[in-house]
C-alpha atoms as a PDB file:
ATOM      1  CA  MET A   1      15.421  30.957   3.409  1.00  0.00           C
ATOM      2  CA  LEU A   2      11.974  30.008   3.867  1.00  0.00           C
ATOM      3  CA  LEU A   3      12.595  26.218   3.446  1.00  0.00           C
ATOM      4  CA  GLU A   4      14.855  26.436   6.362  1.00  0.00           C
ATOM      5  CA  SER A   5      12.540  28.784   8.435  1.00  0.00           C
ATOM      6  CA  SER A   6       9.601  27.344   8.127  1.00  0.00           C
ATOM      7  CA  GLN A   7       7.970  24.828  10.344  1.00  0.00           C
ATOM      8  CA  LYS A   8       4.931  24.479   8.606  1.00  0.00           C
ATOM      9  CA  THR A   9       5.021  21.295   6.506  1.00  0.00           C
ATOM     10  CA  THR A  10       2.779  22.532   3.429  1.00  0.00           C
ATOM     11  CA  ILE A  11       5.407  25.206   2.665  1.00  0.00           C
ATOM     12  CA  GLN A  12       8.119  22.565   3.169  1.00  0.00           C
ATOM     13  CA  ARG A  13       6.492  20.633   0.792  1.00  0.00           C
ATOM     14  CA  VAL A  14       5.628  23.119  -2.070  1.00  0.00           C
ATOM     15  CA  VAL A  15       8.971  24.797  -1.937  1.00  0.00           C
ATOM     16  CA  SER A  16      10.536  21.025  -2.202  1.00  0.00           C
ATOM     17  CA  GLY A  17       8.585  20.507  -5.081  1.00  0.00           C
ATOM     18  CA  ALA A  18       9.480  23.656  -6.911  1.00  0.00           C
ATOM     19  CA  ILE A  19      13.404  22.910  -6.245  1.00  0.00           C
ATOM     20  CA  ALA A  20      12.245  19.477  -7.501  1.00  0.00           C
ATOM     21  CA  ASN A  21      11.159  21.512 -10.644  1.00  0.00           C
ATOM     22  CA  LEU A  22      13.683  24.122 -11.067  1.00  0.00           C
ATOM     23  CA  ALA A  23      16.523  21.084 -10.947  1.00  0.00           C
ATOM     24  CA  MET A  24      14.956  19.740 -14.079  1.00  0.00           C
ATOM     25  CA  SER A  25      16.027  22.635 -16.020  1.00  0.00           C
ATOM     26  CA  ASN A  26      18.790  24.636 -16.492  1.00  0.00           C
ATOM     27  CA  MET A  27      19.043  26.092 -12.678  1.00  0.00           C
ATOM     28  CA  ASN A  28      20.490  22.788 -12.009  1.00  0.00           C
ATOM     29  CA  GLN A  29      23.535  24.010 -11.560  1.00  0.00           C
ATOM     30  CA  VAL A  30      22.590  27.242 -10.061  1.00  0.00           C
ATOM     31  CA  LEU A  31      20.904  25.431  -7.100  1.00  0.00           C
ATOM     32  CA  MET A  32      23.590  23.118  -6.756  1.00  0.00           C
ATOM     33  CA  SER A  33      26.174  26.153  -6.202  1.00  0.00           C
ATOM     34  CA  LYS A  34      23.514  27.805  -3.853  1.00  0.00           C
ATOM     35  CA  GLY A  35      23.201  25.240  -1.229  1.00  0.00           C
ATOM     36  CA  GLY A  36      20.508  23.389  -2.458  1.00  0.00           C
ATOM     37  CA  ALA A  37      21.507  20.009  -2.271  1.00  0.00           C
ATOM     38  CA  GLN A  38      22.303  20.444   1.629  1.00  0.00           C
ATOM     39  CA  LEU A  39      19.204  22.141   2.001  1.00  0.00           C
ATOM     40  CA  LEU A  40      17.137  19.174   0.622  1.00  0.00           C
ATOM     41  CA  ALA A  41      19.226  16.799   3.039  1.00  0.00           C
ATOM     42  CA  ASN A  42      18.711  18.910   6.147  1.00  0.00           C
ATOM     43  CA  LEU A  43      15.182  18.870   5.213  1.00  0.00           C
ATOM     44  CA  ALA A  44      15.204  15.380   4.570  1.00  0.00           C
ATOM     45  CA  SER A  45      16.667  14.845   7.997  1.00  0.00           C
ATOM     46  CA  LYS A  46      14.247  16.739   9.966  1.00  0.00           C
ATOM     47  CA  SER A  47      10.900  15.851   8.236  1.00  0.00           C
ATOM     48  CA  ASN A  48       8.479  12.963   8.849  1.00  0.00           C
ATOM     49  CA  ASP A  49       5.737  13.763   6.403  1.00  0.00           C
ATOM     50  CA  PRO A  50       5.594  11.145   4.008  1.00  0.00           C
ATOM     51  CA  GLN A  51       4.347  13.939   1.149  1.00  0.00           C
ATOM     52  CA  THR A  52       7.281  16.299   2.005  1.00  0.00           C
ATOM     53  CA  LEU A  53       9.976  13.622   1.543  1.00  0.00           C
ATOM     54  CA  ARG A  54       8.497  12.155  -1.512  1.00  0.00           C
ATOM     55  CA  MET A  55       8.998  15.759  -2.917  1.00  0.00           C
ATOM     56  CA  VAL A  56      12.665  15.897  -1.756  1.00  0.00           C
ATOM     57  CA  VAL A  57      13.304  12.427  -3.126  1.00  0.00           C
ATOM     58  CA  GLY A  58      12.037  13.838  -6.251  1.00  0.00           C
ATOM     59  CA  ALA A  59      14.472  16.824  -5.890  1.00  0.00           C
ATOM     60  CA  ILE A  60      17.330  14.790  -5.044  1.00  0.00           C
ATOM     61  CA  ALA A  61      16.916  12.639  -8.057  1.00  0.00           C
ATOM     62  CA  ASN A  62      16.464  15.351 -10.543  1.00  0.00           C
ATOM     63  CA  LEU A  63      19.822  16.618  -9.071  1.00  0.00           C
ATOM     64  CA  CYS A  64      21.519  13.428  -8.924  1.00  0.00           C
ATOM     65  CA  GLY A  65      23.280  13.837 -12.443  1.00  0.00           C
ATOM     66  CA  ASN A  66      25.778  15.958 -10.712  1.00  0.00           C
ATOM     67  CA  HIS A  67      27.786  13.240  -8.056  1.00  0.00           C
ATOM     68  CA  LYS A  68      28.779  16.172  -5.948  1.00  0.00           C
ATOM     69  CA  LEU A  69      25.037  15.993  -4.559  1.00  0.00           C
ATOM     70  CA  LEU A  70      25.522  12.309  -4.108  1.00  0.00           C
ATOM     71  CA  ILE A  71      28.896  12.545  -2.013  1.00  0.00           C
ATOM     72  CA  GLU A  72      29.794  15.867  -0.992  1.00  0.00           C
ATOM     73  CA  ASP A  73      26.605  17.681  -0.108  1.00  0.00           C
ATOM     74  CA  ASP A  74      25.057  14.292   1.376  1.00  0.00           C
ATOM     75  CA  GLY A  75      22.486  13.314  -0.923  1.00  0.00           C
ATOM     76  CA  ILE A  76      23.211   9.496  -0.471  1.00  0.00           C
ATOM     77  CA  LYS A  77      23.065  10.521   3.664  1.00  0.00           C
ATOM     78  CA  ALA A  78      19.505  12.193   3.186  1.00  0.00           C
ATOM     79  CA  LEU A  79      17.911   9.466   1.081  1.00  0.00           C
ATOM     80  CA  LEU A  80      19.223   6.700   3.597  1.00  0.00           C
ATOM     81  CA  GLY A  81      17.974   9.077   6.671  1.00  0.00           C
ATOM     82  CA  MET A  82      14.374   9.363   5.069  1.00  0.00           C
ATOM     83  CA  LYS A  83      13.677   5.583   5.396  1.00  0.00           C
ATOM     84  CA  VAL A  84      14.317   5.558   8.912  1.00  0.00           C
ATOM     85  CA  ASN A  85      12.111   8.966   9.762  1.00  0.00           C
ATOM     86  CA  LEU A  86       9.725   7.019   7.970  1.00  0.00           C
ATOM     87  CA  GLY A  87      10.117   4.074   9.948  1.00  0.00           C
ATOM     88  CA  GLN A  88      10.213   1.185   7.563  1.00  0.00           C
END
């Protein structure tokens, strides 16, 4: 997948933003079933770019209606990890 294989911050940021936009539509459950939340959690743990992390937070926020994201797919862990990555 493009997001996992790319080392370029711009690509990671744009793809995270696209996932955030799709998460607001009927695609929400499709994203969840295809591992979108886990993908975002993985990206959050690896990225140090504030803009990319902002996009990831937006995507996670848009998916938060689904408790599976928060508990099983490490959504909360991803959000907590971002604070550490940003050194705040």
